[in-house]
Amino acid sequence: SIPRRIDSIAGRIIAQIDGAELLKRISERRYAEALAQIELALGTGTVLRREVLDRWQEFIGTGEMMRSVQAGIGRLRDRMKSVLTGEPPPDREVQGALESGIESIVLAAADDAALDVAERWRGTDVGANLDLHGLDRASTTLKKAVNPEVREWQSFVLDLVRAEAGDRRAIARTVSLGVNGIGVALMVAIFSQTGGLTGGEVAVAGGTATVSQAILEAVFGEQAVRGLAGKARSDLLGRITRLLDADLDRFHMLLGGAGTAEQAEALRVLGRQAAEIDI
């Protein structure tokens, strides 16, 4: 009868909706895990692998820089004149190493998340019927967007430094140390926890954190440094969240044809009405 057919159609729609909701929960949960993994990696020193630490050591010269900071004298500007020799500025080398480290962490987490979601979807009734070709890895769009996003974040950090240097004393110290030098110190300080490092890297990173903190506090003071670090960290995580959300949307776009609960309920109402008039 018509009522039975209508009820059967409504039942299939509801089954599709339930299946789509399951797939959505699977994908959202896995990408949330990816973000948590990235946040953990960024907060435990994983970014500060040997290349970053080496570049930073070359840039500041730990012992010399500590003596300069303690004496209230900055000499980083002299270290930033390597452009005269045709070599990249030391601060740019540190920034480049940080870019590479952050990019690697984000891409690895996104690749793992995409692969897991695709595999889990294929193991469900609804997901097995979807075309998941090319979705088992991070999208090309994300891969192209990560590096520019990290560079924009680094520019944001430098803008924070410029904005914070609002009084004459801070401005003078900022000029002496170099805005880029202080910005790099802030970036390094954010990633200077050592939980993700091993062996000699831990000791080096510990010294790196001390010098970075000393430089920043000499210019801005302890409280301001905490505020700057919090803003910089929050902005970076926000950018990474948006990148992952865009990658996740690839999966959600496949669920657009599953129907809605409202459509299923409307069909059930129609079926009941048809039964009442005995069609």
Foldseek 3Di string as FASTA:
>chain_A
DVLVVLLVVLVQLVVLVVLLVVLLVLLVVLLVVLLVQLLVCQQAQVLVPPQLLVLLCLQQVLVVLVVCLVVVAFASVVQQPCVVVVDHGSLVSNLVSSLVSSLVSLQVSQLCSQLVSLVVLCVDPNSVPFPCPPRNGFDPVLNVVSSVLSVVLLVVLLVLQVVLCPDPQLVVLCVRNDSSNLSSLLSLLLRLRNRNDDDPSVVSSVSSNVSSQSSNCSRRNDVVSVVSSVVSSVSSSVSSVVSSVVSSVVVSVRSPPSDDNVVSVVSNVVSVVCVVVPD
